[in-house]
């Protein structure tokens, strides 16, 4: 194939991909419309124009049975004002069918509902094949907070150029619409930025490396004054590290500085130098000390005094092999060669080498709590419905995430569900129903989906096949095999 023909083939493949993405959004819109409030409760809504008290009471009772009981299906408000709500359990089944997490599925449905019901001109161009799906989704994500008048203005202004408009153009239009149609909100947002502040550490993501190189990402939006103070503290400690002989580059030293700040150490231990806010080392004349307080004065005195660092707590979950118990060399069962002694840390959900653990625990004042876990293959069972800690720990260490299809929520915060429904012994139930073989971690949302009916009239069903393997059947009879490596649609 010539290079020209290859380029044509690539463009044709891209066109097919765009068509498939557009068909996906149109299909999701039809699914959402079939599971909106009006579609699910036509009798309840219809009685408003036909005042029949008996019929209204019956419809209201049906509504309470479907959506009013604790933990039952609810309606999700996923788009902006005026857009219809969508059944929570319907979104869950759609997300699972698409191989998405619940959060990803909700975002997709919200974008589609926003586009179809609040951006009708843009949606019409999507249906006609004149704009790609990703452009429509990006626009919908920016308009959800707008009022109905503001989003109508955006729809009218951008519909004819949405196929080429860049993100800067769209974002400016959103700001203009907010200022025009909702000036009060714009003023409140300008005056109250604190409502949008956040700081996240991605401790839930599994490490992509083993050893001391394991790391997590951070993301946040800080108050400007707080950010200036944090920047000054990071710059100060990073420079002190350099003066103390660190060979790391500036980025690494800045990252390490956060660790000292987290432990309450504004200055490095045993450090003689002080650093000014601009990062330069303060001279001896600048570091005069007040004899009454023994604190530095002058330009370099704005550095906070040292505080006692809190004790570091490292919780290790140690899986002991026969070789480790007897002191024999650790042999990797796959390679047949001497392998690494690894430990998994519960609070970081990472695999670390013994050297990395030693480095972490070497900080003075560190408190180390070791929790030994003996053979997870053992079956432990009790007769009571309540799950004792020794069984809960084994189940959650065996399955570290929710056992629902495609769900990645950590097991440590999940419920423990009886795969085979628990029957009290006084009602003929067998002994040992609460066991490591009959329990599976389920996050609270997916536990609800298994317990209560969906819009299709039935809940999700699950059958345990073997330890770590479950067969799930959706309300519409779609089946999924959940196994230690993920989820496989059947």
Protein backbone atom coordinates (compact mmCIF):
# COMPACT_ATOMS: atom_id res chain seq x y z
CA UNK A 1 0.00 0.00 0.00
CA UNK A 2 1.34 3.42 -0.92
CA UNK A 3 1.73 6.09 1.72
CA UNK A 4 -1.10 8.07 0.11
CA UNK A 5 -3.43 5.07 0.24
CA UNK A 6 -2.37 4.39 3.83
CA UNK A 7 -3.28 7.94 4.78
CA UNK A 8 -6.69 7.55 3.09
CA UNK A 9 -7.27 4.32 5.03
CA UNK A 10 -6.41 6.03 8.31
CA UNK A 11 -8.82 8.88 7.58
CA UNK A 12 -11.54 6.38 6.72
CA UNK A 13 -10.95 4.54 10.00
CA UNK A 14 -11.19 7.84 11.88
CA UNK A 15 -14.49 8.62 10.13
CA UNK A 16 -15.86 5.22 11.20
CA UNK A 17 -14.72 5.88 14.76
CA UNK A 18 -16.52 9.26 14.75
CA UNK A 19 -19.69 7.64 13.39
CA UNK A 20 -19.59 4.98 16.11
CA UNK A 21 -19.10 7.61 18.82
CA UNK A 22 -22.06 9.59 17.47
CA UNK A 23 -24.25 6.46 17.40
CA UNK A 24 -23.22 5.73 20.98
CA UNK A 25 -24.38 9.15 22.18
CA UNK A 26 -27.68 8.83 20.31
CA UNK A 27 -28.26 5.38 21.82
CA UNK A 28 -27.44 6.61 25.32
CA UNK A 29 -29.94 9.45 24.83
CA UNK A 30 -32.67 6.94 23.93
CA UNK A 31 -31.80 4.81 26.96
CA UNK A 32 -31.94 7.87 29.24
CA UNK A 33 -35.28 9.01 27.78
CA UNK A 34 -36.70 5.54 28.46
CA UNK A 35 -35.73 5.83 32.14
CA UNK A 36 -36.62 9.40 33.02
CA UNK A 37 -39.14 10.38 35.68
CA UNK A 38 -42.04 10.69 33.24
CA UNK A 39 -41.29 7.38 31.50
CA UNK A 40 -41.09 5.50 34.79
CA UNK A 41 -44.19 7.00 36.40
CA UNK A 42 -46.77 7.87 33.73
CA UNK A 43 -49.71 7.14 36.02
CA UNK A 44 -48.46 9.40 38.80
CA UNK A 45 -47.82 12.29 36.44
CA UNK A 46 -50.98 11.74 34.43
CA UNK A 47 -53.27 12.10 37.43
CA UNK A 48 -52.45 15.80 37.80
CA UNK A 49 -54.72 16.69 34.87
CA UNK A 50 -57.40 14.17 35.91
CA UNK A 51 -58.21 14.75 39.60
CA UNK A 52 -59.16 11.22 40.65
CA UNK A 53 -58.19 10.85 44.31
CA UNK A 54 -58.27 7.04 44.31
CA UNK A 55 -56.16 6.77 41.14
CA UNK A 56 -53.70 9.34 42.49
CA UNK A 57 -53.32 7.45 45.79
CA UNK A 58 -52.64 4.21 43.91
CA UNK A 59 -50.04 5.89 41.71
CA UNK A 60 -48.38 7.53 44.71
CA UNK A 61 -48.26 4.16 46.47
CA UNK A 62 -46.58 2.64 43.42
CA UNK A 63 -44.04 5.47 43.46
CA UNK A 64 -43.26 4.90 47.13
CA UNK A 65 -42.83 1.16 46.56
CA UNK A 66 -40.42 1.77 43.70
CA UNK A 67 -38.45 4.77 44.90
CA UNK A 68 -39.46 5.64 48.46
CA UNK A 69 -38.01 2.76 50.45
CA UNK A 70 -34.56 3.21 51.97
CA UNK A 71 -31.84 2.14 49.58
CA UNK A 72 -34.18 1.71 46.60
CA UNK A 73 -33.72 3.23 43.15
CA UNK A 74 -33.58 7.02 43.02
CA UNK A 75 -33.66 9.65 40.29
CA UNK A 76 -30.37 11.32 39.41
CA UNK A 77 -30.08 14.99 38.48
CA UNK A 78 -27.16 14.67 36.05
CA UNK A 79 -27.61 17.74 33.83
CA UNK A 80 -28.59 21.38 34.17
CA UNK A 81 -31.86 23.06 35.10
CA UNK A 82 -34.82 21.86 33.07
CA UNK A 83 -33.26 18.58 31.96
CA UNK A 84 -35.05 15.35 33.01
CA UNK A 85 -33.75 13.17 35.82
CA UNK A 86 -32.66 9.59 35.11
CA UNK A 87 -33.01 6.37 37.13
CA UNK A 88 -29.89 5.59 39.15
CA UNK A 89 -30.13 1.83 38.64
CA UNK A 90 -30.74 2.32 34.90
CA UNK A 91 -27.51 4.30 34.68
CA UNK A 92 -25.73 1.54 36.61
CA UNK A 93 -26.83 -1.15 34.16
CA UNK A 94 -25.87 0.99 31.17
CA UNK A 95 -22.46 1.78 32.67
CA UNK A 96 -21.79 -1.91 33.27
CA UNK A 97 -22.81 -2.84 29.73
CA UNK A 98 -20.33 -0.27 28.40
CA UNK A 99 -17.53 -1.53 30.65
CA UNK A 100 -17.43 1.76 32.55
CA UNK A 101 -17.32 2.58 36.23
CA UNK A 102 -20.46 4.04 37.76
CA UNK A 103 -18.89 7.51 37.92
CA UNK A 104 -17.83 7.38 34.27
CA UNK A 105 -21.30 6.21 33.24
CA UNK A 106 -23.00 9.01 35.13
CA UNK A 107 -20.75 11.55 33.46
CA UNK A 108 -21.56 10.14 30.02
CA UNK A 109 -25.33 10.09 30.62
CA UNK A 110 -25.21 13.59 32.13
CA UNK A 111 -23.38 14.95 29.09
CA UNK A 112 -25.87 13.34 26.71
CA UNK A 113 -28.95 14.54 28.63
CA UNK A 114 -27.47 18.04 28.83
CA UNK A 115 -26.76 18.14 25.11
CA UNK A 116 -30.08 16.73 23.92
CA UNK A 117 -32.41 18.64 26.23
CA UNK A 118 -30.56 21.91 26.81
CA UNK A 119 -28.50 22.31 23.62
CA UNK A 120 -31.04 21.29 20.96
CA UNK A 121 -29.34 23.11 18.06
CA UNK A 122 -25.99 21.52 18.81
CA UNK A 123 -27.66 18.12 19.29
CA UNK A 124 -29.38 18.41 15.89
CA UNK A 125 -26.00 18.94 14.24
CA UNK A 126 -24.66 15.85 16.04
CA UNK A 127 -27.54 13.72 14.80
CA UNK A 128 -26.97 15.05 11.27
CA UNK A 129 -23.33 13.97 11.44
CA UNK A 130 -22.00 17.53 11.25
CA UNK A 131 -20.10 17.61 14.55
CA UNK A 132 -18.07 14.99 16.41
CA UNK A 133 -19.25 13.47 19.68
CA UNK A 134 -16.26 14.64 21.73
CA UNK A 135 -16.93 18.29 20.87
CA UNK A 136 -20.56 17.96 21.94
CA UNK A 137 -19.57 16.29 25.22
CA UNK A 138 -16.98 18.92 26.02
CA UNK A 139 -19.49 21.71 25.44
CA UNK A 140 -22.14 19.96 27.55
CA UNK A 141 -19.71 19.61 30.44
CA UNK A 142 -19.21 23.38 30.51
CA UNK A 143 -22.90 24.35 30.37
CA UNK A 144 -24.41 22.22 33.15
CA UNK A 145 -24.15 25.01 35.72
CA UNK A 146 -25.80 27.62 33.48
CA UNK A 147 -29.39 28.77 33.82
CA UNK A 148 -31.91 27.84 31.13
CA UNK A 149 -31.70 31.34 29.59
CA UNK A 150 -27.90 31.29 29.60
CA UNK A 151 -27.61 27.83 28.05
CA UNK A 152 -30.11 28.81 25.34
CA UNK A 153 -27.86 31.80 24.53
CA UNK A 154 -24.82 29.53 24.29
CA UNK A 155 -26.70 27.05 22.09
CA UNK A 156 -27.73 29.80 19.69
CA UNK A 157 -24.26 31.37 19.56
CA UNK A 158 -22.14 28.28 19.18
CA UNK A 159 -24.28 25.83 17.19
CA UNK A 160 -23.07 26.99 13.77
CA UNK A 161 -19.37 26.89 14.74
CA UNK A 162 -19.30 24.03 17.26
CA UNK A 163 -17.56 21.76 14.75
CA UNK A 164 -14.50 24.04 14.70
CA UNK A 165 -14.68 26.14 17.89
CA UNK A 166 -11.69 25.68 20.17
CA UNK A 167 -11.84 25.35 23.95
CA UNK A 168 -10.79 28.97 24.56
CA UNK A 169 -13.66 30.25 22.42
CA UNK A 170 -16.17 28.02 24.19
CA UNK A 171 -14.92 28.91 27.66
CA UNK A 172 -15.13 32.64 26.92
CA UNK A 173 -18.67 32.21 25.66
CA UNK A 174 -19.63 30.40 28.86
CA UNK A 175 -18.21 33.24 30.96
CA UNK A 176 -20.10 35.78 28.83
CA UNK A 177 -23.36 33.86 29.23
CA UNK A 178 -22.91 33.67 32.98
CA UNK A 179 -22.22 37.39 33.24
CA UNK A 180 -25.19 38.27 31.01
CA UNK A 181 -27.88 36.03 32.44
CA UNK A 182 -26.73 35.25 35.97
CA UNK A 183 -24.70 38.22 37.22
CA UNK A 184 -25.47 37.46 40.85
CA UNK A 185 -23.88 34.01 40.62
CA UNK A 186 -20.87 35.44 38.81
CA UNK A 187 -20.39 38.00 41.57
CA UNK A 188 -20.81 35.41 44.31
CA UNK A 189 -18.28 33.11 42.64
CA UNK A 190 -15.84 35.97 42.29
CA UNK A 191 -16.22 36.95 45.96
CA UNK A 192 -16.29 33.44 47.39
CA UNK A 193 -13.56 31.40 45.71
CA UNK A 194 -13.11 29.40 48.90
CA UNK A 195 -16.14 27.32 47.99
CA UNK A 196 -14.13 25.88 45.10
CA UNK A 197 -10.91 25.09 46.96
CA UNK A 198 -9.72 21.49 47.18
CA UNK A 199 -6.63 19.36 47.61
CA UNK A 200 -6.47 15.70 46.63
CA UNK A 201 -3.82 13.03 47.07
CA UNK A 202 -4.40 10.06 44.76
CA UNK A 203 -3.72 7.38 47.37
CA UNK A 204 -6.34 5.05 45.84
CA UNK A 205 -4.48 4.48 42.58
CA UNK A 206 -2.33 1.38 42.60
CA UNK A 207 1.37 1.95 42.23
CA UNK A 208 2.94 1.49 38.83
CA UNK A 209 6.32 0.59 40.27
CA UNK A 210 7.79 -1.43 43.09
CA UNK A 211 10.13 0.00 45.69
CA UNK A 212 11.11 3.43 46.87
CA UNK A 213 10.09 4.92 43.49
CA UNK A 214 6.41 4.30 44.28
CA UNK A 215 4.63 7.64 44.35
CA UNK A 216 1.22 9.30 44.26
CA UNK A 217 -0.02 12.37 42.41
CA UNK A 218 -1.48 15.49 43.99
CA UNK A 219 -3.90 18.06 42.62
CA UNK A 220 -5.53 21.08 44.18
CA UNK A 221 -6.85 24.62 44.04
CA UNK A 222 -5.56 26.75 46.92
CA UNK A 223 -6.28 30.18 48.28
CA UNK A 224 -3.75 32.60 46.80
CA UNK A 225 -2.31 33.68 50.15
CA UNK A 226 -2.03 30.07 51.35
CA UNK A 227 -0.36 29.11 48.09
CA UNK A 228 2.21 31.91 48.47
CA UNK A 229 3.03 30.73 52.01
CA UNK A 230 3.30 27.11 50.88
CA UNK A 231 5.55 28.10 47.98
CA UNK A 232 7.85 30.03 50.33
CA UNK A 233 8.09 27.07 52.73
CA UNK A 234 8.77 24.58 49.92
CA UNK A 235 11.41 26.84 48.37
CA UNK A 236 13.08 27.30 51.74
CA UNK A 237 13.37 23.59 52.58
CA UNK A 238 14.34 22.65 49.02
CA UNK A 239 17.22 25.14 49.21
CA UNK A 240 18.27 23.82 52.62
CA UNK A 241 18.44 20.32 51.13
CA UNK A 242 20.79 21.67 48.46
CA UNK A 243 23.00 23.36 51.07
CA UNK A 244 23.13 20.10 53.03
CA UNK A 245 24.59 18.31 50.02
CA UNK A 246 21.56 16.86 48.24
CA UNK A 247 22.32 15.89 44.64
CA UNK A 248 18.65 15.70 43.63
CA UNK A 249 17.36 18.19 41.10
CA UNK A 250 15.07 21.03 42.17
CA UNK A 251 11.81 19.21 41.34
CA UNK A 252 12.72 16.24 43.53
CA UNK A 253 13.85 18.48 46.39
CA UNK A 254 10.56 20.41 46.24
CA UNK A 255 8.61 17.15 46.42
CA UNK A 256 10.64 16.01 49.41
CA UNK A 257 10.08 19.37 51.09
CA UNK A 258 6.36 18.60 51.34
CA UNK A 259 7.21 15.55 53.45
CA UNK A 260 9.08 17.72 55.96
CA UNK A 261 6.17 20.18 56.06
CA UNK A 262 3.66 17.33 56.57
CA UNK A 263 5.67 16.15 59.59
CA UNK A 264 5.71 19.66 61.05
CA UNK A 265 9.37 20.28 60.21
CA UNK A 266 9.71 23.79 58.81
CA UNK A 267 13.50 23.49 59.08
CA UNK A 268 15.70 20.50 58.47
CA UNK A 269 17.07 18.73 61.55
CA UNK A 270 20.51 19.93 62.61
CA UNK A 271 20.46 22.68 59.95
CA UNK A 272 22.64 25.72 60.71
CA UNK A 273 21.58 27.83 57.77
CA UNK A 274 18.43 29.83 57.30
CA UNK A 275 16.91 30.76 54.02
CA UNK A 276 15.08 33.88 52.94
CA UNK A 277 11.63 33.77 51.31
CA UNK A 278 13.20 34.29 47.88
CA UNK A 279 15.24 31.10 48.33
CA UNK A 280 18.64 32.79 48.90
CA UNK A 281 20.75 31.81 51.89
CA UNK A 282 20.66 34.51 54.57
CA UNK A 283 24.00 35.99 55.51
CA UNK A 284 25.32 36.00 59.09
CA UNK A 285 24.41 39.67 59.48
CA UNK A 286 20.90 38.97 58.29
CA UNK A 287 20.51 36.14 60.79
CA UNK A 288 20.87 38.14 63.98
CA UNK A 289 19.25 36.51 67.00
CA UNK A 290 17.22 38.11 69.76
CA UNK A 291 19.02 37.14 73.00
CA UNK A 292 15.75 37.23 74.94
CA UNK A 293 14.00 34.71 72.74
CA UNK A 294 16.95 33.09 70.94
CA UNK A 295 15.04 33.59 67.70
CA UNK A 296 16.38 34.99 64.45
CA UNK A 297 15.65 38.60 63.58
CA UNK A 298 16.12 40.60 60.43
CA UNK A 299 15.32 39.66 56.80
CA UNK A 300 15.81 35.96 57.39
CA UNK A 301 13.64 35.80 60.51
CA UNK A 302 10.34 35.08 58.78
CA UNK A 303 11.11 31.34 58.74
CA UNK A 304 8.90 29.61 61.33
CA UNK A 305 10.63 27.98 64.26
CA UNK A 306 11.11 24.21 64.35
CA UNK A 307 8.27 22.16 65.80
CA UNK A 308 8.20 18.63 67.05
CA UNK A 309 7.36 16.32 64.17
CA UNK A 310 4.40 13.97 64.66
CA UNK A 311 5.13 10.28 64.76
CA UNK A 312 4.88 8.51 61.43
CA UNK A 313 2.63 5.46 61.44
CA UNK A 314 3.25 2.73 58.85
CA UNK A 315 0.74 -0.13 58.77
CA UNK A 316 2.16 -3.18 57.00
CA UNK A 317 0.10 -6.14 55.85
CA UNK A 318 2.64 -8.94 55.67
CA UNK A 319 1.90 -12.14 53.73
CA UNK A 320 4.20 -14.81 55.12
CA UNK A 321 5.33 -17.68 52.94
CA UNK A 322 6.75 -20.93 54.29
CA UNK A 323 10.19 -19.76 53.16
CA UNK A 324 9.84 -16.52 55.08
CA UNK A 325 8.70 -18.34 58.22
CA UNK A 326 11.64 -20.75 58.14
CA UNK A 327 14.20 -18.16 57.10
CA UNK A 328 14.91 -19.88 53.78
CA UNK A 329 15.79 -17.74 50.73
CA UNK A 330 12.76 -16.36 48.88
CA UNK A 331 12.45 -18.13 45.52
CA UNK A 332 10.15 -16.67 42.89
CA UNK A 333 7.75 -19.47 41.82
CA UNK A 334 7.61 -18.18 38.23
CA UNK A 335 11.28 -17.56 37.46
CA UNK A 336 12.75 -20.09 39.86
CA UNK A 337 15.32 -17.51 40.92
CA UNK A 338 15.85 -15.64 44.15
CA UNK A 339 13.17 -12.97 44.33
CA UNK A 340 12.36 -9.82 46.25
CA UNK A 341 10.75 -9.83 49.67
CA UNK A 342 7.71 -7.63 49.15
CA UNK A 343 5.21 -6.05 51.52
CA UNK A 344 1.90 -4.40 50.77
CA UNK A 345 1.00 -1.28 52.72
CA UNK A 346 -2.68 -0.95 53.51
CA UNK A 347 -2.69 2.81 53.82
CA UNK A 348 -0.87 3.25 50.49
CA UNK A 349 -2.04 0.11 48.63
CA UNK A 350 1.41 -0.36 47.13
CA UNK A 351 4.00 -3.09 46.86
CA UNK A 352 7.34 -2.13 48.36
CA UNK A 353 10.68 -3.82 48.65
CA UNK A 354 12.21 -4.47 52.05
CA UNK A 355 14.72 -1.66 51.37
CA UNK A 356 11.93 0.83 50.71
CA UNK A 357 10.12 -0.18 53.91
CA UNK A 358 13.37 0.18 55.83
CA UNK A 359 13.83 3.70 54.41
CA UNK A 360 10.29 4.74 55.34
CA UNK A 361 10.49 3.34 58.84
CA UNK A 362 13.92 4.84 59.44
CA UNK A 363 12.49 8.28 60.21
CA UNK A 364 13.13 9.00 63.93
CA UNK A 365 10.02 8.53 66.06
CA UNK A 366 8.26 6.29 63.54
CA UNK A 367 5.69 3.94 65.07
CA UNK A 368 5.52 0.63 63.22
CA UNK A 369 2.45 -1.59 63.57
CA UNK A 370 2.83 -5.02 61.99
CA UNK A 371 -0.34 -7.00 61.25
CA UNK A 372 0.49 -10.58 60.32
CA UNK A 373 -2.02 -12.34 58.08
CA UNK A 374 -1.86 -16.14 58.03
CA UNK A 375 -2.81 -18.22 54.98
CA UNK A 376 -5.70 -16.47 53.21
CA UNK A 377 -6.70 -19.75 51.58
CA UNK A 378 -8.10 -21.01 54.89
CA UNK A 379 -11.90 -21.06 55.18
CA UNK A 380 -13.21 -19.37 58.32
CA UNK A 381 -16.93 -19.47 59.11
CA UNK A 382 -19.37 -18.53 61.90
CA UNK A 383 -23.09 -19.05 62.35
CA UNK A 384 -24.05 -15.44 63.15
CA UNK A 385 -25.10 -12.87 60.56
CA UNK A 386 -22.59 -10.30 61.82
CA UNK A 387 -19.12 -10.58 60.25
CA UNK A 388 -16.28 -10.79 62.81
CA UNK A 389 -13.12 -8.79 62.18
CA UNK A 390 -10.97 -11.84 61.47
CA UNK A 391 -13.26 -12.87 58.59
CA UNK A 392 -13.74 -9.32 57.30
CA UNK A 393 -9.99 -8.76 57.12
CA UNK A 394 -9.43 -11.98 55.16
CA UNK A 395 -12.22 -11.23 52.66
CA UNK A 396 -11.06 -7.68 52.00
CA UNK A 397 -7.44 -8.72 51.63
CA UNK A 398 -8.42 -11.44 49.16
CA UNK A 399 -10.58 -9.05 47.10
CA UNK A 400 -9.24 -5.50 47.40
CA UNK A 401 -12.03 -3.83 45.39
CA UNK A 402 -15.82 -4.07 45.17
CA UNK A 403 -16.91 -7.34 43.54
CA UNK A 404 -19.54 -5.67 41.30
CA UNK A 405 -18.74 -5.66 37.56
CA UNK A 406 -16.25 -2.94 36.60
CA UNK A 407 -16.42 -1.30 40.06
CA UNK A 408 -13.05 -0.19 41.43
CA UNK A 409 -14.04 1.20 44.80
CA UNK A 410 -11.73 -0.07 47.57
CA UNK A 411 -12.96 -3.04 49.59
CA UNK A 412 -11.75 -1.48 52.82
CA UNK A 413 -14.75 0.90 52.79
CA UNK A 414 -17.27 -1.57 51.30
CA UNK A 415 -20.04 -3.65 52.84
CA UNK A 416 -19.62 -7.41 53.12
CA UNK A 417 -22.49 -9.09 51.30
CA UNK A 418 -23.67 -12.69 51.68
CA UNK A 419 -23.50 -14.06 48.12
CA UNK A 420 -26.03 -16.71 49.09
CA UNK A 421 -28.76 -14.99 51.10
CA UNK A 422 -28.41 -15.52 54.84
CA UNK A 423 -31.16 -17.58 56.47
CA UNK A 424 -31.35 -17.38 60.30
CA UNK A 425 -30.70 -20.74 62.00
CA UNK A 426 -34.08 -20.57 63.78
CA UNK A 427 -35.69 -20.54 60.30
CA UNK A 428 -33.80 -23.57 59.08
CA UNK A 429 -30.61 -21.90 57.90
CA UNK A 430 -27.47 -24.09 57.74
CA UNK A 431 -24.47 -23.46 60.00
CA UNK A 432 -21.45 -21.48 58.87
CA UNK A 433 -23.25 -19.17 56.43
CA UNK A 434 -21.04 -16.21 57.29
CA UNK A 435 -17.76 -17.45 55.86
CA UNK A 436 -14.84 -16.36 53.73
CA UNK A 437 -16.37 -18.38 50.87
CA UNK A 438 -19.84 -16.79 51.04
CA UNK A 439 -18.87 -13.13 51.51
CA UNK A 440 -17.96 -10.54 48.90
CA UNK A 441 -17.15 -6.83 49.29
CA UNK A 442 -19.80 -4.58 47.75
CA UNK A 443 -19.75 -0.80 47.88
CA UNK A 444 -22.95 0.68 49.32
CA UNK A 445 -24.38 1.72 45.94
CA UNK A 446 -23.88 -1.68 44.31
CA UNK A 447 -25.19 -3.40 47.44
CA UNK A 448 -28.40 -1.40 46.94
CA UNK A 449 -28.56 -2.44 43.27
CA UNK A 450 -28.35 -6.11 44.34
CA UNK A 451 -31.00 -5.69 47.02
CA UNK A 452 -33.69 -3.54 45.37
CA UNK A 453 -35.54 -3.77 42.02
CA UNK A 454 -34.38 -1.76 39.03
CA UNK A 455 -36.74 -0.09 36.51
CA UNK A 456 -36.81 -3.46 34.75
CA UNK A 457 -38.52 -4.90 37.83
CA UNK A 458 -35.73 -7.14 39.15
CA UNK A 459 -32.46 -6.50 41.04
CA UNK A 460 -29.00 -7.63 40.04
CA UNK A 461 -28.25 -11.29 40.85
CA UNK A 462 -24.92 -12.85 41.75
CA UNK A 463 -23.61 -16.39 42.11
CA UNK A 464 -20.27 -17.26 43.60
CA UNK A 465 -18.36 -19.71 41.40
CA UNK A 466 -15.11 -20.08 43.33
CA UNK A 467 -13.03 -17.87 45.63
CA UNK A 468 -12.58 -14.52 43.86
CA UNK A 469 -14.95 -15.40 40.98
CA UNK A 470 -18.58 -14.22 40.74
CA UNK A 471 -21.17 -14.47 37.97
CA UNK A 472 -23.43 -11.40 37.85
CA UNK A 473 -26.71 -11.14 35.93
CA UNK A 474 -28.18 -7.70 35.23
CA UNK A 475 -31.91 -6.84 35.36
CA UNK A 476 -31.96 -7.22 31.54
CA UNK A 477 -30.19 -10.62 31.73
CA UNK A 478 -26.74 -9.38 30.66
CA UNK A 479 -24.07 -11.52 32.34
CA UNK A 480 -20.61 -10.59 33.60
CA UNK A 481 -17.84 -12.70 35.09
CA UNK A 482 -15.91 -10.88 37.81
CA UNK A 483 -12.51 -12.41 38.52
CA UNK A 484 -9.21 -11.34 40.11
CA UNK A 485 -8.08 -9.75 36.82
CA UNK A 486 -11.21 -7.63 36.28
CA UNK A 487 -14.57 -8.12 34.53
CA UNK A 488 -15.38 -10.13 31.41
CA UNK A 489 -18.75 -9.65 29.66
CA UNK A 490 -20.31 -12.98 28.63
